Structure formats: C-alpha cells, structure tokens
Amino acid sequence: MDASFWAPAVTFSIITLTIGTVFVLRGPVGQALGQWIEGWSHTEAKWIEGHYGAPGVEVAELRVEVEELRHQLTDVQERLDSAERLLARQRDAERLRPGAAS
C-alpha cells in the first residue's frame, strides 16, 4: 500500500478528532477542566502568600525602594551635569587664554 492510500484516512482521522475535541471541551467537561486549571493559580497564590508573606506588603516596600533610587539617580545626574559644566568652563578658559596653542 502506498502513501496515497493512507493520506485521506489520516486526514479524515485528524479532522474527526479535532471536531470531537472541540465538542467535548465546549461542554461541561471543558468547563470542569477550565475550573480545575483556574484552581491552580489560586492554590499557587495561597502557597506564595503562606511562604513569602502577603504580596501587597512586598510591592509597597519595593515601590518605596524604587522612589528612593529615583531620588538618588536624580542627585547623581545633577552632580554629573555640574561636573560637566565645570569641565566645559575650564576648557573654554584654556582655549581663550592668549598664547595657548590648540
């Protein structure tokens, strides 16, 4: 038997299985399966909360830390800007000085 004999049978089988799966999953079996999968996330959230504390507290702490880091970054940027301005003034003064060869 060659492949041309099996190709329609395999194609028909795949289509039949796909349609059957869609009908089963759209019914009560699919709803029960969906609720079961949804329960995984609730169980995982309870487990995380039990082992690591409430996630809301950790998020609040992280937000405070991010704000502190933002303020520190702003200070560092201001210092860098002032240092760049000082260096630019020194370079300008050196270029404008008489007798300085560039």
PDB file of N, CA and C in Angstrom:
ATOM      1  N   MET A   1       0.835  -1.178   0.000  1.00  0.00           N
ATOM      2  CA  MET A   1       0.000   0.000   0.000  1.00  0.00           C
ATOM      3  C   MET A   1       0.880   1.242   0.000  1.00  0.00           C
ATOM      4  N   ASP A   2       0.517   2.192  -0.801  1.00  0.00           N
ATOM      5  CA  ASP A   2       1.313   3.394  -0.915  1.00  0.00           C
ATOM      6  C   ASP A   2       0.716   4.529  -0.077  1.00  0.00           C
ATOM      7  N   ALA A   3       1.411   5.658  -0.059  1.00  0.00           N
ATOM      8  CA  ALA A   3       1.012   6.793   0.777  1.00  0.00           C
ATOM      9  C   ALA A   3      -0.301   7.405   0.314  1.00  0.00           C
ATOM     10  N   SER A   4      -0.598   7.333  -0.953  1.00  0.00           N
ATOM     11  CA  SER A   4      -1.837   7.933  -1.446  1.00  0.00           C
ATOM     12  C   SER A   4      -3.065   7.216  -0.889  1.00  0.00           C
ATOM     13  N   PHE A   5      -2.894   5.974  -0.455  1.00  0.00           N
ATOM     14  CA  PHE A   5      -3.999   5.238   0.155  1.00  0.00           C
ATOM     15  C   PHE A   5      -4.243   5.715   1.591  1.00  0.00           C
ATOM     16  N   TRP A   6      -3.175   5.992   2.335  1.00  0.00           N
ATOM     17  CA  TRP A   6      -3.285   6.360   3.752  1.00  0.00           C
ATOM     18  C   TRP A   6      -3.561   7.840   3.972  1.00  0.00           C
ATOM     19  N   ALA A   7      -3.173   8.696   3.069  1.00  0.00           N
ATOM     20  CA  ALA A   7      -3.309  10.140   3.258  1.00  0.00           C
ATOM     21  C   ALA A   7      -4.747  10.575   3.541  1.00  0.00           C
ATOM     22  N   PRO A   8      -5.754  10.141   2.771  1.00  0.00           N
ATOM     23  CA  PRO A   8      -7.128  10.560   3.085  1.00  0.00           C
ATOM     24  C   PRO A   8      -7.606  10.029   4.433  1.00  0.00           C
ATOM     25  N   ALA A   9      -7.209   8.801   4.782  1.00  0.00           N
ATOM     26  CA  ALA A   9      -7.635   8.218   6.056  1.00  0.00           C
ATOM     27  C   ALA A   9      -7.042   8.987   7.227  1.00  0.00           C
ATOM     28  N   VAL A  10      -5.768   9.345   7.142  1.00  0.00           N
ATOM     29  CA  VAL A  10      -5.112  10.101   8.213  1.00  0.00           C
ATOM     30  C   VAL A  10      -5.727  11.494   8.312  1.00  0.00           C
ATOM     31  N   THR A  11      -5.952  12.142   7.194  1.00  0.00           N
ATOM     32  CA  THR A  11      -6.554  13.474   7.189  1.00  0.00           C
ATOM     33  C   THR A  11      -7.955  13.441   7.796  1.00  0.00           C
ATOM     34  N   PHE A  12      -8.749  12.476   7.407  1.00  0.00           N
ATOM     35  CA  PHE A  12     -10.099  12.344   7.944  1.00  0.00           C
ATOM     36  C   PHE A  12     -10.064  12.072   9.452  1.00  0.00           C
ATOM     37  N   SER A  13      -9.123  11.250   9.895  1.00  0.00           N
ATOM     38  CA  SER A  13      -8.991  10.948  11.330  1.00  0.00           C
ATOM     39  C   SER A  13      -8.629  12.194  12.125  1.00  0.00           C
ATOM     40  N   ILE A  14      -7.712  12.978  11.624  1.00  0.00           N
ATOM     41  CA  ILE A  14      -7.294  14.205  12.315  1.00  0.00           C
ATOM     42  C   ILE A  14      -8.457  15.183  12.396  1.00  0.00           C
ATOM     43  N   ILE A  15      -9.180  15.355  11.306  1.00  0.00           N
ATOM     44  CA  ILE A  15     -10.324  16.279  11.301  1.00  0.00           C
ATOM     45  C   ILE A  15     -11.394  15.792  12.269  1.00  0.00           C
ATOM     46  N   THR A  16     -11.668  14.498  12.283  1.00  0.00           N
ATOM     47  CA  THR A  16     -12.676  13.941  13.187  1.00  0.00           C
ATOM     48  C   THR A  16     -12.271  14.129  14.643  1.00  0.00           C
ATOM     49  N   LEU A  17     -11.021  13.850  14.970  1.00  0.00           N
ATOM     50  CA  LEU A  17     -10.540  14.042  16.343  1.00  0.00           C
ATOM     51  C   LEU A  17     -10.605  15.508  16.760  1.00  0.00           C
ATOM     52  N   THR A  18     -10.262  16.416  15.869  1.00  0.00           N
ATOM     53  CA  THR A  18     -10.308  17.844  16.182  1.00  0.00           C
ATOM     54  C   THR A  18     -11.731  18.295  16.464  1.00  0.00           C
ATOM     55  N   ILE A  19     -12.667  17.923  15.616  1.00  0.00           N
ATOM     56  CA  ILE A  19     -14.069  18.308  15.808  1.00  0.00           C
ATOM     57  C   ILE A  19     -14.615  17.689  17.094  1.00  0.00           C
ATOM     58  N   GLY A  20     -14.306  16.426  17.359  1.00  0.00           N
ATOM     59  CA  GLY A  20     -14.753  15.777  18.583  1.00  0.00           C
ATOM     60  C   GLY A  20     -14.192  16.462  19.827  1.00  0.00           C
ATOM     61  N   THR A  21     -12.926  16.841  19.782  1.00  0.00           N
ATOM     62  CA  THR A  21     -12.301  17.534  20.916  1.00  0.00           C
ATOM     63  C   THR A  21     -12.969  18.875  21.162  1.00  0.00           C
ATOM     64  N   VAL A  22     -13.284  19.594  20.104  1.00  0.00           N
ATOM     65  CA  VAL A  22     -13.953  20.896  20.256  1.00  0.00           C
ATOM     66  C   VAL A  22     -15.308  20.717  20.933  1.00  0.00           C
ATOM     67  N   PHE A  23     -16.094  19.723  20.495  1.00  0.00           N
ATOM     68  CA  PHE A  23     -17.407  19.494  21.106  1.00  0.00           C
ATOM     69  C   PHE A  23     -17.287  19.100  22.572  1.00  0.00           C
ATOM     70  N   VAL A  24     -16.328  18.267  22.912  1.00  0.00           N
ATOM     71  CA  VAL A  24     -16.158  17.826  24.299  1.00  0.00           C
ATOM     72  C   VAL A  24     -15.713  18.991  25.183  1.00  0.00           C
ATOM     73  N   LEU A  25     -14.760  19.776  24.694  1.00  0.00           N
ATOM     74  CA  LEU A  25     -14.223  20.871  25.513  1.00  0.00           C
ATOM     75  C   LEU A  25     -15.184  22.049  25.636  1.00  0.00           C
ATOM     76  N   ARG A  26     -16.129  22.168  24.738  1.00  0.00           N
ATOM     77  CA  ARG A  26     -17.109  23.252  24.846  1.00  0.00           C
ATOM     78  C   ARG A  26     -18.248  22.901  25.790  1.00  0.00           C
ATOM     79  N   GLY A  27     -18.349  21.667  26.181  1.00  0.00           N
ATOM     80  CA  GLY A  27     -19.424  21.211  27.060  1.00  0.00           C
ATOM     81  C   GLY A  27     -19.024  21.269  28.524  1.00  0.00           C
ATOM     82  N   PRO A  28     -19.729  20.515  29.346  1.00  0.00           N
ATOM     83  CA  PRO A  28     -19.468  20.518  30.785  1.00  0.00           C
ATOM     84  C   PRO A  28     -18.079  19.981  31.141  1.00  0.00           C
ATOM     85  N   VAL A  29     -17.560  19.077  30.326  1.00  0.00           N
ATOM     86  CA  VAL A  29     -16.210  18.560  30.593  1.00  0.00           C
ATOM     87  C   VAL A  29     -15.181  19.682  30.437  1.00  0.00           C
ATOM     88  N   GLY A  30     -15.356  20.487  29.412  1.00  0.00           N
ATOM     89  CA  GLY A  30     -14.443  21.611  29.201  1.00  0.00           C
ATOM     90  C   GLY A  30     -14.553  22.647  30.306  1.00  0.00           C
ATOM     91  N   GLN A  31     -15.771  22.908  30.771  1.00  0.00           N
ATOM     92  CA  GLN A  31     -15.944  23.866  31.869  1.00  0.00           C
ATOM     93  C   GLN A  31     -15.299  23.353  33.144  1.00  0.00           C
ATOM     94  N   ALA A  32     -15.464  22.055  33.434  1.00  0.00           N
ATOM     95  CA  ALA A  32     -14.845  21.472  34.622  1.00  0.00           C
ATOM     96  C   ALA A  32     -13.329  21.524  34.504  1.00  0.00           C
ATOM     97  N   LEU A  33     -12.814  21.242  33.324  1.00  0.00           N
ATOM     98  CA  LEU A  33     -11.370  21.307  33.105  1.00  0.00           C
ATOM     99  C   LEU A  33     -10.868  22.739  33.289  1.00  0.00           C
ATOM    100  N   GLY A  34     -11.614  23.707  32.787  1.00  0.00           N
ATOM    101  CA  GLY A  34     -11.237  25.113  32.949  1.00  0.00           C
ATOM    102  C   GLY A  34     -11.230  25.537  34.403  1.00  0.00           C
ATOM    103  N   GLN A  35     -12.217  25.110  35.177  1.00  0.00           N
ATOM    104  CA  GLN A  35     -12.251  25.435  36.603  1.00  0.00           C
ATOM    105  C   GLN A  35     -11.106  24.770  37.346  1.00  0.00           C
ATOM    106  N   TRP A  36     -10.774  23.554  36.944  1.00  0.00           N
ATOM    107  CA  TRP A  36      -9.667  22.845  37.580  1.00  0.00           C
ATOM    108  C   TRP A  36      -8.347  23.579  37.324  1.00  0.00           C
ATOM    109  N   ILE A  37      -8.133  24.006  36.080  1.00  0.00           N
ATOM    110  CA  ILE A  37      -6.914  24.741  35.737  1.00  0.00           C
ATOM    111  C   ILE A  37      -6.906  26.091  36.444  1.00  0.00           C
ATOM    112  N   GLU A  38      -8.046  26.758  36.533  1.00  0.00           N
ATOM    113  CA  GLU A  38      -8.134  28.043  37.232  1.00  0.00           C
ATOM    114  C   GLU A  38      -7.783  27.881  38.707  1.00  0.00           C
ATOM    115  N   GLY A  39      -8.130  26.757  39.294  1.00  0.00           N
ATOM    116  CA  GLY A  39      -7.809  26.491  40.692  1.00  0.00           C
ATOM    117  C   GLY A  39      -6.320  26.410  40.949  1.00  0.00           C
ATOM    118  N   TRP A  40      -5.521  26.067  39.928  1.00  0.00           N
ATOM    119  CA  TRP A  40      -4.075  26.003  40.097  1.00  0.00           C
ATOM    120  C   TRP A  40      -3.524  27.357  40.518  1.00  0.00           C
ATOM    121  N   SER A  41      -3.985  28.416  39.869  1.00  0.00           N
ATOM    122  CA  SER A  41      -3.442  29.739  40.173  1.00  0.00           C
ATOM    123  C   SER A  41      -3.817  30.180  41.583  1.00  0.00           C
ATOM    124  N   HIS A  42      -5.022  29.848  42.040  1.00  0.00           N
ATOM    125  CA  HIS A  42      -5.417  30.210  43.394  1.00  0.00           C
ATOM    126  C   HIS A  42      -4.594  29.454  44.421  1.00  0.00           C
ATOM    127  N   THR A  43      -4.350  28.184  44.154  1.00  0.00           N
ATOM    128  CA  THR A  43      -3.543  27.384  45.064  1.00  0.00           C
ATOM    129  C   THR A  43      -2.124  27.925  45.118  1.00  0.00           C
ATOM    130  N   GLU A  44      -1.582  28.279  43.972  1.00  0.00           N
ATOM    131  CA  GLU A  44      -0.226  28.809  43.913  1.00  0.00           C
ATOM    132  C   GLU A  44      -0.138  30.143  44.651  1.00  0.00           C
ATOM    133  N   ALA A  45      -1.128  31.001  44.494  1.00  0.00           N
ATOM    134  CA  ALA A  45      -1.120  32.297  45.179  1.00  0.00           C
ATOM    135  C   ALA A  45      -1.179  32.107  46.687  1.00  0.00           C
ATOM    136  N   LYS A  46      -1.997  31.151  47.143  1.00  0.00           N
ATOM    137  CA  LYS A  46      -2.068  30.880  48.584  1.00  0.00           C
ATOM    138  C   LYS A  46      -0.737  30.336  49.096  1.00  0.00           C
ATOM    139  N   TRP A  47      -0.095  29.484  48.313  1.00  0.00           N
ATOM    140  CA  TRP A  47       1.187  28.926  48.718  1.00  0.00           C
ATOM    141  C   TRP A  47       2.241  30.029  48.818  1.00  0.00           C
ATOM    142  N   ILE A  48       2.276  30.911  47.830  1.00  0.00           N
ATOM    143  CA  ILE A  48       3.243  32.015  47.843  1.00  0.00           C
ATOM    144  C   ILE A  48       2.983  32.923  49.036  1.00  0.00           C
ATOM    145  N   GLU A  49       1.734  33.227  49.292  1.00  0.00           N
ATOM    146  CA  GLU A  49       1.393  34.094  50.414  1.00  0.00           C
ATOM    147  C   GLU A  49       1.785  33.448  51.737  1.00  0.00           C
ATOM    148  N   GLY A  50       1.599  32.137  51.861  1.00  0.00           N
ATOM    149  CA  GLY A  50       1.952  31.438  53.086  1.00  0.00           C
ATOM    150  C   GLY A  50       3.448  31.384  53.316  1.00  0.00           C
ATOM    151  N   HIS A  51       4.241  31.296  52.256  1.00  0.00           N
ATOM    152  CA  HIS A  51       5.689  31.168  52.411  1.00  0.00           C
ATOM    153  C   HIS A  51       6.428  32.496  52.375  1.00  0.00           C
ATOM    154  N   TYR A  52       5.914  33.446  51.640  1.00  0.00           N
ATOM    155  CA  TYR A  52       6.639  34.700  51.448  1.00  0.00           C
ATOM    156  C   TYR A  52       5.913  35.911  52.022  1.00  0.00           C
ATOM    157  N   GLY A  53       4.808  35.743  52.650  1.00  0.00           N
ATOM    158  CA  GLY A  53       4.054  36.879  53.173  1.00  0.00           C
ATOM    159  C   GLY A  53       3.117  37.435  52.119  1.00  0.00           C
ATOM    160  N   ALA A  54       2.353  38.395  52.532  1.00  0.00           N
ATOM    161  CA  ALA A  54       1.376  38.989  51.623  1.00  0.00           C
ATOM    162  C   ALA A  54       2.095  39.746  50.513  1.00  0.00           C
ATOM    163  N   PRO A  55       1.720  39.517  49.266  1.00  0.00           N
ATOM    164  CA  PRO A  55       2.397  40.193  48.159  1.00  0.00           C
ATOM    165  C   PRO A  55       2.187  41.704  48.172  1.00  0.00           C
ATOM    166  N   GLY A  56       1.075  42.187  48.728  1.00  0.00           N
ATOM    167  CA  GLY A  56       0.826  43.625  48.755  1.00  0.00           C
ATOM    168  C   GLY A  56       1.860  44.367  49.586  1.00  0.00           C
ATOM    169  N   VAL A  57       2.295  43.757  50.688  1.00  0.00           N
ATOM    170  CA  VAL A  57       3.304  44.386  51.550  1.00  0.00           C
ATOM    171  C   VAL A  57       4.626  44.477  50.810  1.00  0.00           C
ATOM    172  N   GLU A  58       4.985  43.405  50.119  1.00  0.00           N
ATOM    173  CA  GLU A  58       6.250  43.401  49.386  1.00  0.00           C
ATOM    174  C   GLU A  58       6.228  44.425  48.259  1.00  0.00           C
ATOM    175  N   VAL A  59       5.119  44.544  47.570  1.00  0.00           N
ATOM    176  CA  VAL A  59       5.000  45.523  46.487  1.00  0.00           C
ATOM    177  C   VAL A  59       5.149  46.936  47.038  1.00  0.00           C
ATOM    178  N   ALA A  60       4.545  47.219  48.186  1.00  0.00           N
ATOM    179  CA  ALA A  60       4.653  48.547  48.785  1.00  0.00           C
ATOM    180  C   ALA A  60       6.104  48.844  49.155  1.00  0.00           C
ATOM    181  N   GLU A  61       6.798  47.846  49.714  1.00  0.00           N
ATOM    182  CA  GLU A  61       8.209  48.041  50.056  1.00  0.00           C
ATOM    183  C   GLU A  61       9.044  48.302  48.814  1.00  0.00           C
ATOM    184  N   LEU A  62       8.774  47.568  47.751  1.00  0.00           N
ATOM    185  CA  LEU A  62       9.524  47.760  46.506  1.00  0.00           C
ATOM    186  C   LEU A  62       9.256  49.134  45.902  1.00  0.00           C
ATOM    187  N   ARG A  63       8.032  49.612  46.000  1.00  0.00           N
ATOM    188  CA  ARG A  63       7.721  50.949  45.480  1.00  0.00           C
ATOM    189  C   ARG A  63       8.492  52.022  46.237  1.00  0.00           C
ATOM    190  N   VAL A  64       8.572  51.876  47.564  1.00  0.00           N
ATOM    191  CA  VAL A  64       9.332  52.842  48.367  1.00  0.00           C
ATOM    192  C   VAL A  64      10.799  52.811  47.955  1.00  0.00           C
ATOM    193  N   GLU A  65      11.329  51.604  47.767  1.00  0.00           N
ATOM    194  CA  GLU A  65      12.735  51.479  47.378  1.00  0.00           C
ATOM    195  C   GLU A  65      12.985  52.081  45.995  1.00  0.00           C
ATOM    196  N   VAL A  66      12.059  51.874  45.073  1.00  0.00           N
ATOM    197  CA  VAL A  66      12.204  52.450  43.726  1.00  0.00           C
ATOM    198  C   VAL A  66      12.194  53.974  43.794  1.00  0.00           C
ATOM    199  N   GLU A  67      11.329  54.545  44.626  1.00  0.00           N
ATOM    200  CA  GLU A  67      11.300  56.003  44.773  1.00  0.00           C
ATOM    201  C   GLU A  67      12.621  56.525  45.327  1.00  0.00           C
ATOM    202  N   GLU A  68      13.191  55.821  46.320  1.00  0.00           N
ATOM    203  CA  GLU A  68      14.491  56.223  46.863  1.00  0.00           C
ATOM    204  C   GLU A  68      15.555  56.180  45.776  1.00  0.00           C
ATOM    205  N   LEU A  69      15.542  55.124  44.977  1.00  0.00           N
ATOM    206  CA  LEU A  69      16.526  55.007  43.901  1.00  0.00           C
ATOM    207  C   LEU A  69      16.343  56.099  42.853  1.00  0.00           C
ATOM    208  N   ARG A  70      15.122  56.482  42.584  1.00  0.00           N
ATOM    209  CA  ARG A  70      14.877  57.569  41.631  1.00  0.00           C
ATOM    210  C   ARG A  70      15.455  58.885  42.142  1.00  0.00           C
ATOM    211  N   HIS A  71      15.265  59.148  43.447  1.00  0.00           N
ATOM    212  CA  HIS A  71      15.818  60.377  44.021  1.00  0.00           C
ATOM    213  C   HIS A  71      17.344  60.351  43.968  1.00  0.00           C
ATOM    214  N   GLN A  72      17.934  59.192  44.275  1.00  0.00           N
ATOM    215  CA  GLN A  72      19.394  59.084  44.213  1.00  0.00           C
ATOM    216  C   GLN A  72      19.884  59.284  42.795  1.00  0.00           C
ATOM    217  N   LEU A  73      19.190  58.723  41.831  1.00  0.00           N
ATOM    218  CA  LEU A  73      19.583  58.875  40.435  1.00  0.00           C
ATOM    219  C   LEU A  73      19.492  60.334  40.003  1.00  0.00           C
ATOM    220  N   THR A  74      18.455  61.026  40.441  1.00  0.00           N
ATOM    221  CA  THR A  74      18.317  62.448  40.120  1.00  0.00           C
ATOM    222  C   THR A  74      19.481  63.239  40.692  1.00  0.00           C
ATOM    223  N   ASP A  75      19.874  62.944  41.940  1.00  0.00           N
ATOM    224  CA  ASP A  75      21.015  63.625  42.547  1.00  0.00           C
ATOM    225  C   ASP A  75      22.297  63.359  41.770  1.00  0.00           C
ATOM    226  N   VAL A  76      22.502  62.113  41.377  1.00  0.00           N
ATOM    227  CA  VAL A  76      23.710  61.760  40.621  1.00  0.00           C
ATOM    228  C   VAL A  76      23.720  62.477  39.272  1.00  0.00           C
ATOM    229  N   GLN A  77      22.580  62.562  38.616  1.00  0.00           N
ATOM    230  CA  GLN A  77      22.517  63.254  37.330  1.00  0.00           C
ATOM    231  C   GLN A  77      22.819  64.745  37.493  1.00  0.00           C
ATOM    232  N   GLU A  78      22.320  65.351  38.558  1.00  0.00           N
ATOM    233  CA  GLU A  78      22.615  66.765  38.803  1.00  0.00           C
ATOM    234  C   GLU A  78      24.096  66.975  39.054  1.00  0.00           C
ATOM    235  N   ARG A  79      24.707  66.090  39.820  1.00  0.00           N
ATOM    236  CA  ARG A  79      26.147  66.197  40.075  1.00  0.00           C
ATOM    237  C   ARG A  79      26.944  66.031  38.788  1.00  0.00           C
ATOM    238  N   LEU A  80      26.537  65.092  37.949  1.00  0.00           N
ATOM    239  CA  LEU A  80      27.227  64.890  36.679  1.00  0.00           C
ATOM    240  C   LEU A  80      27.097  66.119  35.792  1.00  0.00           C
ATOM    241  N   ASP A  81      25.917  66.704  35.744  1.00  0.00           N
ATOM    242  CA  ASP A  81      25.719  67.915  34.938  1.00  0.00           C
ATOM    243  C   ASP A  81      26.610  69.048  35.427  1.00  0.00           C
ATOM    244  N   SER A  82      26.680  69.228  36.744  1.00  0.00           N
ATOM    245  CA  SER A  82      27.522  70.320  37.265  1.00  0.00           C
ATOM    246  C   SER A  82      28.990  70.041  37.001  1.00  0.00           C
ATOM    247  N   ALA A  83      29.420  68.789  37.099  1.00  0.00           N
ATOM    248  CA  ALA A  83      30.818  68.455  36.801  1.00  0.00           C
ATOM    249  C   ALA A  83      31.128  68.700  35.325  1.00  0.00           C
ATOM    250  N   GLU A  84      30.193  68.357  34.446  1.00  0.00           N
ATOM    251  CA  GLU A  84      30.402  68.618  33.017  1.00  0.00           C
ATOM    252  C   GLU A  84      30.484  70.106  32.740  1.00  0.00           C
ATOM    253  N   ARG A  85      29.657  70.906  33.411  1.00  0.00           N
ATOM    254  CA  ARG A  85      29.714  72.356  33.219  1.00  0.00           C
ATOM    255  C   ARG A  85      31.052  72.916  33.691  1.00  0.00           C
ATOM    256  N   LEU A  86      31.549  72.458  34.828  1.00  0.00           N
ATOM    257  CA  LEU A  86      32.849  72.921  35.319  1.00  0.00           C
ATOM    258  C   LEU A  86      33.956  72.566  34.346  1.00  0.00           C
ATOM    259  N   LEU A  87      33.947  71.353  33.825  1.00  0.00           N
ATOM    260  CA  LEU A  87      34.971  70.959  32.859  1.00  0.00           C
ATOM    261  C   LEU A  87      34.870  71.784  31.586  1.00  0.00           C
ATOM    262  N   ALA A  88      33.661  72.072  31.156  1.00  0.00           N
ATOM    263  CA  ALA A  88      33.486  72.883  29.946  1.00  0.00           C
ATOM    264  C   ALA A  88      34.012  74.287  30.177  1.00  0.00           C
ATOM    265  N   ARG A  89      33.791  74.862  31.362  1.00  0.00           N
ATOM    266  CA  ARG A  89      34.317  76.196  31.669  1.00  0.00           C
ATOM    267  C   ARG A  89      35.833  76.199  31.643  1.00  0.00           C
ATOM    268  N   GLN A  90      36.453  75.167  32.218  1.00  0.00           N
ATOM    269  CA  GLN A  90      37.912  75.105  32.233  1.00  0.00           C
ATOM    270  C   GLN A  90      38.453  75.006  30.814  1.00  0.00           C
ATOM    271  N   ARG A  91      37.843  74.201  29.984  1.00  0.00           N
ATOM    272  CA  ARG A  91      38.308  74.061  28.598  1.00  0.00           C
ATOM    273  C   ARG A  91      38.142  75.376  27.843  1.00  0.00           C
ATOM    274  N   ASP A  92      37.002  76.058  28.068  1.00  0.00           N
ATOM    275  CA  ASP A  92      36.785  77.336  27.401  1.00  0.00           C
ATOM    276  C   ASP A  92      37.826  78.351  27.856  1.00  0.00           C
ATOM    277  N   ALA A  93      38.130  78.371  29.141  1.00  0.00           N
ATOM    278  CA  ALA A  93      39.123  79.318  29.666  1.00  0.00           C
ATOM    279  C   ALA A  93      40.499  79.026  29.086  1.00  0.00           C
ATOM    280  N   GLU A  94      40.851  77.761  28.932  1.00  0.00           N
ATOM    281  CA  GLU A  94      42.152  77.404  28.365  1.00  0.00           C
ATOM    282  C   GLU A  94      42.247  77.784  26.897  1.00  0.00           C
ATOM    283  N   ARG A  95      41.143  77.628  26.161  1.00  0.00           N
ATOM    284  CA  ARG A  95      41.161  77.992  24.748  1.00  0.00           C
ATOM    285  C   ARG A  95      41.223  79.505  24.539  1.00  0.00           C
ATOM    286  N   LEU A  96      40.596  80.238  25.440  1.00  0.00           N
ATOM    287  CA  LEU A  96      40.564  81.696  25.294  1.00  0.00           C
ATOM    288  C   LEU A  96      41.809  82.373  25.839  1.00  0.00           C
ATOM    289  N   ARG A  97      42.626  81.656  26.577  1.00  0.00           N
ATOM    290  CA  ARG A  97      43.826  82.239  27.130  1.00  0.00           C
ATOM    291  C   ARG A  97      44.789  82.602  25.996  1.00  0.00           C
ATOM    292  N   PRO A  98      45.362  83.836  26.063  1.00  0.00           N
ATOM    293  CA  PRO A  98      46.295  84.238  24.982  1.00  0.00           C
ATOM    294  C   PRO A  98      47.561  83.385  25.017  1.00  0.00           C
ATOM    295  N   GLY A  99      48.036  83.049  23.850  1.00  0.00           N
ATOM    296  CA  GLY A  99      49.271  82.291  23.717  1.00  0.00           C
ATOM    297  C   GLY A  99      49.080  80.801  23.840  1.00  0.00           C
ATOM    298  N   ALA A 100      47.851  80.369  24.036  1.00  0.00           N
ATOM    299  CA  ALA A 100      47.617  78.914  24.128  1.00  0.00           C
ATOM    300  C   ALA A 100      47.479  78.357  22.724  1.00  0.00           C
ATOM    301  N   ALA A 101      48.291  77.348  22.421  1.00  0.00           N
ATOM    302  CA  ALA A 101      48.238  76.740  21.082  1.00  0.00           C
ATOM    303  C   ALA A 101      47.301  75.559  21.113  1.00  0.00           C
ATOM    304  N   SER A 102      46.416  75.514  20.121  1.00  0.00           N
ATOM    305  CA  SER A 102      45.452  74.404  20.070  1.00  0.00           C
ATOM    306  C   SER A 102      45.886  73.417  19.041  1.00  0.00           C
TER     307      SER A 102
END
